[in-house]
Amino acid sequence: AHLDRYPHEMSGGQRQRVGIARALAINPE
């Protein structure tokens, strides 16, 4: 359900989780 939210609709911790997910999207090392 969080996929269809804008960043301002999320808490700071949730936004940072999104930032982590974006960094891991393409399986970096």
Full PDB file with SEQRES, HELIX, SHEET, SSBOND, CRYST1, ORIGX, SCALE, CONECT and MASTER records, all heavy atoms in Angstrom:
SEQRES   1 A   29  ALA HIS LEU ASP ARG TYR PRO HIS GLU MET SER GLY GLY          
SEQRES   2 A   29  GLN ARG GLN ARG VAL GLY ILE ALA ARG ALA LEU ALA ILE          
SEQRES   3 A   29  ASN PRO GLU                                                  
HELIX    1 AA1 HIS A    2  ASP A    4  5                                   3    
HELIX    2 AA2 PRO A    7  GLU A    9  5                                   3    
HELIX    3 AA3 GLY A   12  LEU A   24  1                                  13    
CRYST1    1.000    1.000    1.000  90.00  90.00  90.00 P 1           1          
ORIGX1      1.000000  0.000000  0.000000        0.00000                         
ORIGX2      0.000000  1.000000  0.000000        0.00000                         
ORIGX3      0.000000  0.000000  1.000000        0.00000                         
SCALE1      1.000000  0.000000  0.000000        0.00000                         
SCALE2      0.000000  1.000000  0.000000        0.00000                         
SCALE3      0.000000  0.000000  1.000000        0.00000                         
ATOM      1  N   ALA A   1       0.822  -1.217   0.000  1.00  0.00           N  
ATOM      2  CA  ALA A   1       0.000   0.000   0.000  1.00  0.00           C  
ATOM      3  C   ALA A   1       0.853   1.263   0.000  1.00  0.00           C  
ATOM      4  O   ALA A   1       0.435   2.308  -0.522  1.00  0.00           O  
ATOM      5  CB  ALA A   1      -0.930  -0.002   1.212  1.00  0.00           C  
ATOM      6  N   HIS A   2       2.066   1.203   0.567  1.00  0.00           N  
ATOM      7  CA  HIS A   2       2.944   2.374   0.595  1.00  0.00           C  
ATOM      8  C   HIS A   2       3.424   2.772  -0.804  1.00  0.00           C  
ATOM      9  O   HIS A   2       3.856   3.905  -1.003  1.00  0.00           O  
ATOM     10  CB  HIS A   2       4.161   2.108   1.486  1.00  0.00           C  
ATOM     11  CG  HIS A   2       3.842   2.092   2.955  1.00  0.00           C  
ATOM     12  ND1 HIS A   2       3.618   0.933   3.648  1.00  0.00           N  
ATOM     13  CD2 HIS A   2       3.700   3.098   3.847  1.00  0.00           C  
ATOM     14  CE1 HIS A   2       3.372   1.215   4.915  1.00  0.00           C  
ATOM     15  NE2 HIS A   2       3.405   2.525   5.068  1.00  0.00           N  
ATOM     16  N   LEU A   3       3.347   1.859  -1.767  1.00  0.00           N  
ATOM     17  CA  LEU A   3       3.803   2.180  -3.112  1.00  0.00           C  
ATOM     18  C   LEU A   3       2.979   3.292  -3.752  1.00  0.00           C  
ATOM     19  O   LEU A   3       3.464   4.015  -4.629  1.00  0.00           O  
ATOM     20  CB  LEU A   3       3.748   0.931  -4.001  1.00  0.00           C  
ATOM     21  CG  LEU A   3       4.772  -0.169  -3.709  1.00  0.00           C  
ATOM     22  CD1 LEU A   3       4.454  -1.421  -4.514  1.00  0.00           C  
ATOM     23  CD2 LEU A   3       6.184   0.309  -4.007  1.00  0.00           C  
ATOM     24  N   ASP A   4       1.747   3.442  -3.315  1.00  0.00           N  
ATOM     25  CA  ASP A   4       0.866   4.443  -3.913  1.00  0.00           C  
ATOM     26  C   ASP A   4       0.721   5.693  -3.054  1.00  0.00           C  
ATOM     27  O   ASP A   4      -0.242   6.450  -3.198  1.00  0.00           O  
ATOM     28  CB  ASP A   4      -0.506   3.816  -4.194  1.00  0.00           C  
ATOM     29  CG  ASP A   4      -0.427   2.733  -5.263  1.00  0.00           C  
ATOM     30  OD1 ASP A   4       0.183   2.995  -6.322  1.00  0.00           O  
ATOM     31  OD2 ASP A   4      -0.940   1.631  -5.031  1.00  0.00           O  
ATOM     32  N   ARG A   5       1.714   5.915  -2.189  1.00  0.00           N  
ATOM     33  CA  ARG A   5       1.734   7.140  -1.373  1.00  0.00           C  
ATOM     34  C   ARG A   5       2.823   8.083  -1.873  1.00  0.00           C  
ATOM     35  O   ARG A   5       3.817   7.664  -2.467  1.00  0.00           O  
ATOM     36  CB  ARG A   5       1.988   6.808   0.098  1.00  0.00           C  
ATOM     37  CG  ARG A   5       0.879   5.984   0.739  1.00  0.00           C  
ATOM     38  CD  ARG A   5       1.134   5.778   2.213  1.00  0.00           C  
ATOM     39  NE  ARG A   5       0.168   4.865   2.801  1.00  0.00           N  
ATOM     40  CZ  ARG A   5       0.174   4.486   4.071  1.00  0.00           C  
ATOM     41  NH1 ARG A   5       1.124   4.948   4.890  1.00  0.00           N  
ATOM     42  NH2 ARG A   5      -0.741   3.660   4.526  1.00  0.00           N  
ATOM     43  N   TYR A   6       2.607   9.373  -1.605  1.00  0.00           N  
ATOM     44  CA  TYR A   6       3.640  10.372  -1.850  1.00  0.00           C  
ATOM     45  C   TYR A   6       4.530  10.468  -0.612  1.00  0.00           C  
ATOM     46  O   TYR A   6       4.092  10.131   0.506  1.00  0.00           O  
ATOM     47  CB  TYR A   6       3.010  11.736  -2.136  1.00  0.00           C  
ATOM     48  CG  TYR A   6       2.337  11.821  -3.486  1.00  0.00           C  
ATOM     49  CD1 TYR A   6       0.958  11.644  -3.606  1.00  0.00           C  
ATOM     50  CD2 TYR A   6       3.088  12.084  -4.630  1.00  0.00           C  
ATOM     51  CE1 TYR A   6       0.332  11.728  -4.851  1.00  0.00           C  
ATOM     52  CE2 TYR A   6       2.471  12.171  -5.884  1.00  0.00           C  
ATOM     53  CZ  TYR A   6       1.098  11.989  -5.986  1.00  0.00           C  
ATOM     54  OH  TYR A   6       0.495  12.072  -7.211  1.00  0.00           O  
ATOM     55  N   PRO A   7       5.776  10.933  -0.777  1.00  0.00           N  
ATOM     56  CA  PRO A   7       6.669  11.030   0.386  1.00  0.00           C  
ATOM     57  C   PRO A   7       6.083  11.820   1.554  1.00  0.00           C  
ATOM     58  O   PRO A   7       6.282  11.442   2.717  1.00  0.00           O  
ATOM     59  CB  PRO A   7       7.909  11.728  -0.191  1.00  0.00           C  
ATOM     60  CG  PRO A   7       7.935  11.283  -1.618  1.00  0.00           C  
ATOM     61  CD  PRO A   7       6.494  11.229  -2.037  1.00  0.00           C  
ATOM     62  N   HIS A   8       5.336  12.905   1.288  1.00  0.00           N  
ATOM     63  CA  HIS A   8       4.809  13.714   2.398  1.00  0.00           C  
ATOM     64  C   HIS A   8       3.712  12.994   3.183  1.00  0.00           C  
ATOM     65  O   HIS A   8       3.332  13.434   4.269  1.00  0.00           O  
ATOM     66  CB  HIS A   8       4.276  15.063   1.870  1.00  0.00           C  
ATOM     67  CG  HIS A   8       2.982  14.956   1.105  1.00  0.00           C  
ATOM     68  ND1 HIS A   8       2.955  14.770  -0.266  1.00  0.00           N  
ATOM     69  CD2 HIS A   8       1.683  14.991   1.512  1.00  0.00           C  
ATOM     70  CE1 HIS A   8       1.694  14.717  -0.672  1.00  0.00           C  
ATOM     71  NE2 HIS A   8       0.899  14.836   0.390  1.00  0.00           N  
ATOM     72  N   GLU A   9       3.221  11.890   2.639  1.00  0.00           N  
ATOM     73  CA  GLU A   9       2.189  11.117   3.331  1.00  0.00           C  
ATOM     74  C   GLU A   9       2.801  10.049   4.240  1.00  0.00           C  
ATOM     75  O   GLU A   9       2.067   9.247   4.825  1.00  0.00           O  
ATOM     76  CB  GLU A   9       1.272  10.451   2.307  1.00  0.00           C  
ATOM     77  CG  GLU A   9       0.507  11.431   1.440  1.00  0.00           C  
ATOM     78  CD  GLU A   9      -0.319  10.757   0.358  1.00  0.00           C  
ATOM     79  OE1 GLU A   9       0.214   9.849  -0.313  1.00  0.00           O  
ATOM     80  OE2 GLU A   9      -1.493  11.137   0.201  1.00  0.00           O  
ATOM     81  N   MET A  10       4.134  10.074   4.373  1.00  0.00           N  
ATOM     82  CA  MET A  10       4.832   9.060   5.152  1.00  0.00           C  
ATOM     83  C   MET A  10       5.650   9.718   6.242  1.00  0.00           C  
ATOM     84  O   MET A  10       5.983  10.903   6.170  1.00  0.00           O  
ATOM     85  CB  MET A  10       5.729   8.222   4.235  1.00  0.00           C  
ATOM     86  CG  MET A  10       5.004   7.628   3.043  1.00  0.00           C  
ATOM     87  SD  MET A  10       6.109   6.830   1.862  1.00  0.00           S  
ATOM     88  CE  MET A  10       6.463   5.315   2.738  1.00  0.00           C  
ATOM     89  N   SER A  11       5.987   8.942   7.269  1.00  0.00           N  
ATOM     90  CA  SER A  11       6.842   9.440   8.348  1.00  0.00           C  
ATOM     91  C   SER A  11       8.290   9.494   7.895  1.00  0.00           C  
ATOM     92  O   SER A  11       8.654   8.933   6.843  1.00  0.00           O  
ATOM     93  CB  SER A  11       6.713   8.527   9.569  1.00  0.00           C  
ATOM     94  OG  SER A  11       7.291   7.252   9.292  1.00  0.00           O  
ATOM     95  N   GLY A  12       9.134  10.144   8.676  1.00  0.00           N  
ATOM     96  CA  GLY A  12      10.555  10.217   8.339  1.00  0.00           C  
ATOM     97  C   GLY A  12      11.203   8.854   8.241  1.00  0.00           C  
ATOM     98  O   GLY A  12      12.008   8.590   7.330  1.00  0.00           O  
ATOM     99  N   GLY A  13      10.865   7.966   9.166  1.00  0.00           N  
ATOM    100  CA  GLY A  13      11.422   6.619   9.126  1.00  0.00           C  
ATOM    101  C   GLY A  13      10.963   5.843   7.909  1.00  0.00           C  
ATOM    102  O   GLY A  13      11.749   5.107   7.289  1.00  0.00           O  
ATOM    103  N   GLN A  14       9.705   6.010   7.535  1.00  0.00           N  
ATOM    104  CA  GLN A  14       9.196   5.333   6.340  1.00  0.00           C  
ATOM    105  C   GLN A  14       9.864   5.867   5.081  1.00  0.00           C  
ATOM    106  O   GLN A  14      10.191   5.099   4.175  1.00  0.00           O  
ATOM    107  CB  GLN A  14       7.682   5.506   6.266  1.00  0.00           C  
ATOM    108  CG  GLN A  14       6.920   4.720   7.317  1.00  0.00           C  
ATOM    109  CD  GLN A  14       5.443   5.056   7.349  1.00  0.00           C  
ATOM    110  OE1 GLN A  14       5.022   6.149   6.932  1.00  0.00           O  
ATOM    111  NE2 GLN A  14       4.636   4.132   7.832  1.00  0.00           N  
ATOM    112  N   ARG A  15      10.079   7.181   5.024  1.00  0.00           N  
ATOM    113  CA  ARG A  15      10.748   7.759   3.858  1.00  0.00           C  
ATOM    114  C   ARG A  15      12.184   7.240   3.736  1.00  0.00           C  
ATOM    115  O   ARG A  15      12.663   6.978   2.632  1.00  0.00           O  
ATOM    116  CB  ARG A  15      10.740   9.286   3.950  1.00  0.00           C  
ATOM    117  CG  ARG A  15       9.390   9.913   3.658  1.00  0.00           C  
ATOM    118  CD  ARG A  15       9.495  11.411   3.458  1.00  0.00           C  
ATOM    119  NE  ARG A  15       9.847  12.117   4.675  1.00  0.00           N  
ATOM    120  CZ  ARG A  15       8.974  12.617   5.539  1.00  0.00           C  
ATOM    121  NH1 ARG A  15       7.664  12.483   5.324  1.00  0.00           N  
ATOM    122  NH2 ARG A  15       9.375  13.264   6.619  1.00  0.00           N  
ATOM    123  N   GLN A  16      12.852   7.085   4.885  1.00  0.00           N  
ATOM    124  CA  GLN A  16      14.211   6.559   4.810  1.00  0.00           C  
ATOM    125  C   GLN A  16      14.210   5.100   4.378  1.00  0.00           C  
ATOM    126  O   GLN A  16      15.125   4.651   3.669  1.00  0.00           O  
ATOM    127  CB  GLN A  16      14.937   6.725   6.144  1.00  0.00           C  
ATOM    128  CG  GLN A  16      16.439   6.498   6.072  1.00  0.00           C  
ATOM    129  CD  GLN A  16      17.157   7.438   5.136  1.00  0.00           C  
ATOM    130  OE1 GLN A  16      16.952   7.408   3.928  1.00  0.00           O  
ATOM    131  NE2 GLN A  16      18.011   8.290   5.694  1.00  0.00           N  
ATOM    132  N   ARG A  17      13.194   4.356   4.750  1.00  0.00           N  
ATOM    133  CA  ARG A  17      13.070   2.972   4.270  1.00  0.00           C  
ATOM    134  C   ARG A  17      12.903   2.947   2.749  1.00  0.00           C  
ATOM    135  O   ARG A  17      13.456   2.076   2.061  1.00  0.00           O  
ATOM    136  CB  ARG A  17      11.888   2.270   4.951  1.00  0.00           C  
ATOM    137  CG  ARG A  17      12.130   1.948   6.427  1.00  0.00           C  
ATOM    138  CD  ARG A  17      10.871   1.409   7.095  1.00  0.00           C  
ATOM    139  NE  ARG A  17      11.054   1.261   8.522  1.00  0.00           N  
ATOM    140  CZ  ARG A  17      11.436   0.133   9.128  1.00  0.00           C  
ATOM    141  NH1 ARG A  17      11.678  -0.950   8.411  1.00  0.00           N  
ATOM    142  NH2 ARG A  17      11.573   0.088  10.439  1.00  0.00           N  
ATOM    143  N   VAL A  18      12.159   3.916   2.222  1.00  0.00           N  
ATOM    144  CA  VAL A  18      12.017   4.021   0.771  1.00  0.00           C  
ATOM    145  C   VAL A  18      13.365   4.341   0.139  1.00  0.00           C  
ATOM    146  O   VAL A  18      13.727   3.784  -0.908  1.00  0.00           O  
ATOM    147  CB  VAL A  18      10.975   5.097   0.402  1.00  0.00           C  
ATOM    148  CG1 VAL A  18      10.963   5.340  -1.111  1.00  0.00           C  
ATOM    149  CG2 VAL A  18       9.583   4.686   0.870  1.00  0.00           C  
ATOM    150  N   GLY A  19      14.127   5.250   0.769  1.00  0.00           N  
ATOM    151  CA  GLY A  19      15.460   5.570   0.260  1.00  0.00           C  
ATOM    152  C   GLY A  19      16.362   4.355   0.231  1.00  0.00           C  
ATOM    153  O   GLY A  19      17.146   4.163  -0.720  1.00  0.00           O  
ATOM    154  N   ILE A  20      16.269   3.515   1.248  1.00  0.00           N  
ATOM    155  CA  ILE A  20      17.061   2.283   1.291  1.00  0.00           C  
ATOM    156  C   ILE A  20      16.603   1.324   0.199  1.00  0.00           C  
ATOM    157  O   ILE A  20      17.414   0.712  -0.498  1.00  0.00           O  
ATOM    158  CB  ILE A  20      16.957   1.635   2.682  1.00  0.00           C  
ATOM    159  CG1 ILE A  20      17.618   2.532   3.741  1.00  0.00           C  
ATOM    160  CG2 ILE A  20      17.590   0.247   2.686  1.00  0.00           C  
ATOM    161  CD1 ILE A  20      17.324   2.118   5.167  1.00  0.00           C  
ATOM    162  N   ALA A  21      15.278   1.219   0.023  1.00  0.00           N  
ATOM    163  CA  ALA A  21      14.744   0.336  -1.019  1.00  0.00           C  
ATOM    164  C   ALA A  21      15.206   0.789  -2.400  1.00  0.00           C  
ATOM    165  O   ALA A  21      15.558  -0.039  -3.250  1.00  0.00           O  
ATOM    166  CB  ALA A  21      13.217   0.314  -0.950  1.00  0.00           C  
ATOM    167  N   ARG A  22      15.223   2.087  -2.630  1.00  0.00           N  
ATOM    168  CA  ARG A  22      15.674   2.605  -3.925  1.00  0.00           C  
ATOM    169  C   ARG A  22      17.149   2.261  -4.156  1.00  0.00           C  
ATOM    170  O   ARG A  22      17.542   1.870  -5.260  1.00  0.00           O  
ATOM    171  CB  ARG A  22      15.469   4.117  -3.998  1.00  0.00           C  
ATOM    172  CG  ARG A  22      15.871   4.715  -5.342  1.00  0.00           C  
ATOM    173  CD  ARG A  22      15.608   6.198  -5.395  1.00  0.00           C  
ATOM    174  NE  ARG A  22      16.347   6.920  -4.366  1.00  0.00           N  
ATOM    175  CZ  ARG A  22      16.257   8.229  -4.162  1.00  0.00           C  
ATOM    176  NH1 ARG A  22      15.441   8.955  -4.911  1.00  0.00           N  
ATOM    177  NH2 ARG A  22      16.961   8.809  -3.209  1.00  0.00           N  
ATOM    178  N   ALA A  23      17.965   2.378  -3.120  1.00  0.00           N  
ATOM    179  CA  ALA A  23      19.385   2.055  -3.258  1.00  0.00           C  
ATOM    180  C   ALA A  23      19.592   0.571  -3.561  1.00  0.00           C  
ATOM    181  O   ALA A  23      20.536   0.202  -4.265  1.00  0.00           O  
ATOM    182  CB  ALA A  23      20.134   2.442  -1.989  1.00  0.00           C  
ATOM    183  N   LEU A  24      18.702  -0.277  -3.043  1.00  0.00           N  
ATOM    184  CA  LEU A  24      18.870  -1.724  -3.217  1.00  0.00           C  
ATOM    185  C   LEU A  24      18.138  -2.269  -4.436  1.00  0.00           C  
ATOM    186  O   LEU A  24      18.238  -3.467  -4.725  1.00  0.00           O  
ATOM    187  CB  LEU A  24      18.362  -2.454  -1.968  1.00  0.00           C  
ATOM    188  CG  LEU A  24      19.083  -2.139  -0.657  1.00  0.00           C  
ATOM    189  CD1 LEU A  24      18.476  -2.939   0.478  1.00  0.00           C  
ATOM    190  CD2 LEU A  24      20.570  -2.412  -0.761  1.00  0.00           C  
ATOM    191  N   ALA A  25      17.427  -1.411  -5.156  1.00  0.00           N  
ATOM    192  CA  ALA A  25      16.547  -1.875  -6.236  1.00  0.00           C  
ATOM    193  C   ALA A  25      17.272  -2.717  -7.273  1.00  0.00           C  
ATOM    194  O   ALA A  25      16.730  -3.708  -7.770  1.00  0.00           O  
ATOM    195  CB  ALA A  25      15.870  -0.675  -6.900  1.00  0.00           C  
ATOM    196  N   ILE A  26      18.507  -2.345  -7.609  1.00  0.00           N  
ATOM    197  CA  ILE A  26      19.228  -3.030  -8.694  1.00  0.00           C  
ATOM    198  C   ILE A  26      20.332  -3.945  -8.170  1.00  0.00           C  
ATOM    199  O   ILE A  26      21.310  -4.235  -8.859  1.00  0.00           O  
ATOM    200  CB  ILE A  26      19.791  -2.004  -9.688  1.00  0.00           C  
ATOM    201  CG1 ILE A  26      20.613  -0.934  -8.957  1.00  0.00           C  
ATOM    202  CG2 ILE A  26      18.660  -1.361 -10.488  1.00  0.00           C  
ATOM    203  CD1 ILE A  26      21.280   0.059  -9.874  1.00  0.00           C  
ATOM    204  N   ASN A  27      20.178  -4.369  -6.911  1.00  0.00           N  
ATOM    205  CA  ASN A  27      21.097  -5.336  -6.303  1.00  0.00           C  
ATOM    206  C   ASN A  27      22.558  -4.878  -6.316  1.00  0.00           C  
ATOM    207  O   ASN A  27      23.438  -5.563  -6.863  1.00  0.00           O  
ATOM    208  CB  ASN A  27      20.986  -6.698  -7.007  1.00  0.00           C  
ATOM    209  CG  ASN A  27      19.660  -7.358  -6.777  1.00  0.00           C  
ATOM    210  OD1 ASN A  27      19.175  -7.427  -5.648  1.00  0.00           O  
ATOM    211  ND2 ASN A  27      19.030  -7.824  -7.848  1.00  0.00           N  
ATOM    212  N   PRO A  28      22.861  -3.728  -5.707  1.00  0.00           N  
ATOM    213  CA  PRO A  28      24.258  -3.284  -5.652  1.00  0.00           C  
ATOM    214  C   PRO A  28      25.060  -4.157  -4.695  1.00  0.00           C  
ATOM    215  O   PRO A  28      24.500  -4.917  -3.902  1.00  0.00           O  
ATOM    216  CB  PRO A  28      24.144  -1.855  -5.120  1.00  0.00           C  
ATOM    217  CG  PRO A  28      22.941  -1.908  -4.230  1.00  0.00           C  
ATOM    218  CD  PRO A  28      21.982  -2.834  -4.941  1.00  0.00           C  
ATOM    219  N   GLU A  29      26.366  -4.014  -4.774  1.00  0.00           N  
ATOM    220  CA  GLU A  29      27.248  -4.734  -3.859  1.00  0.00           C  
ATOM    221  C   GLU A  29      27.790  -3.828  -2.764  1.00  0.00           C  
ATOM    222  O   GLU A  29      28.226  -4.298  -1.722  1.00  0.00           O  
ATOM    223  CB  GLU A  29      28.418  -5.332  -4.650  1.00  0.00           C  
ATOM    224  CG  GLU A  29      27.990  -6.334  -5.710  1.00  0.00           C  
ATOM    225  CD  GLU A  29      29.136  -6.685  -6.633  1.00  0.00           C  
ATOM    226  OE1 GLU A  29      29.473  -5.880  -7.516  1.00  0.00           O  
ATOM    227  OE2 GLU A  29      29.707  -7.778  -6.436  1.00  0.00           O  
TER     228      GLU A  29                                                      
MASTER        0    0    0    3    0    0    0    6  227    1    0    3          
END                                                                             
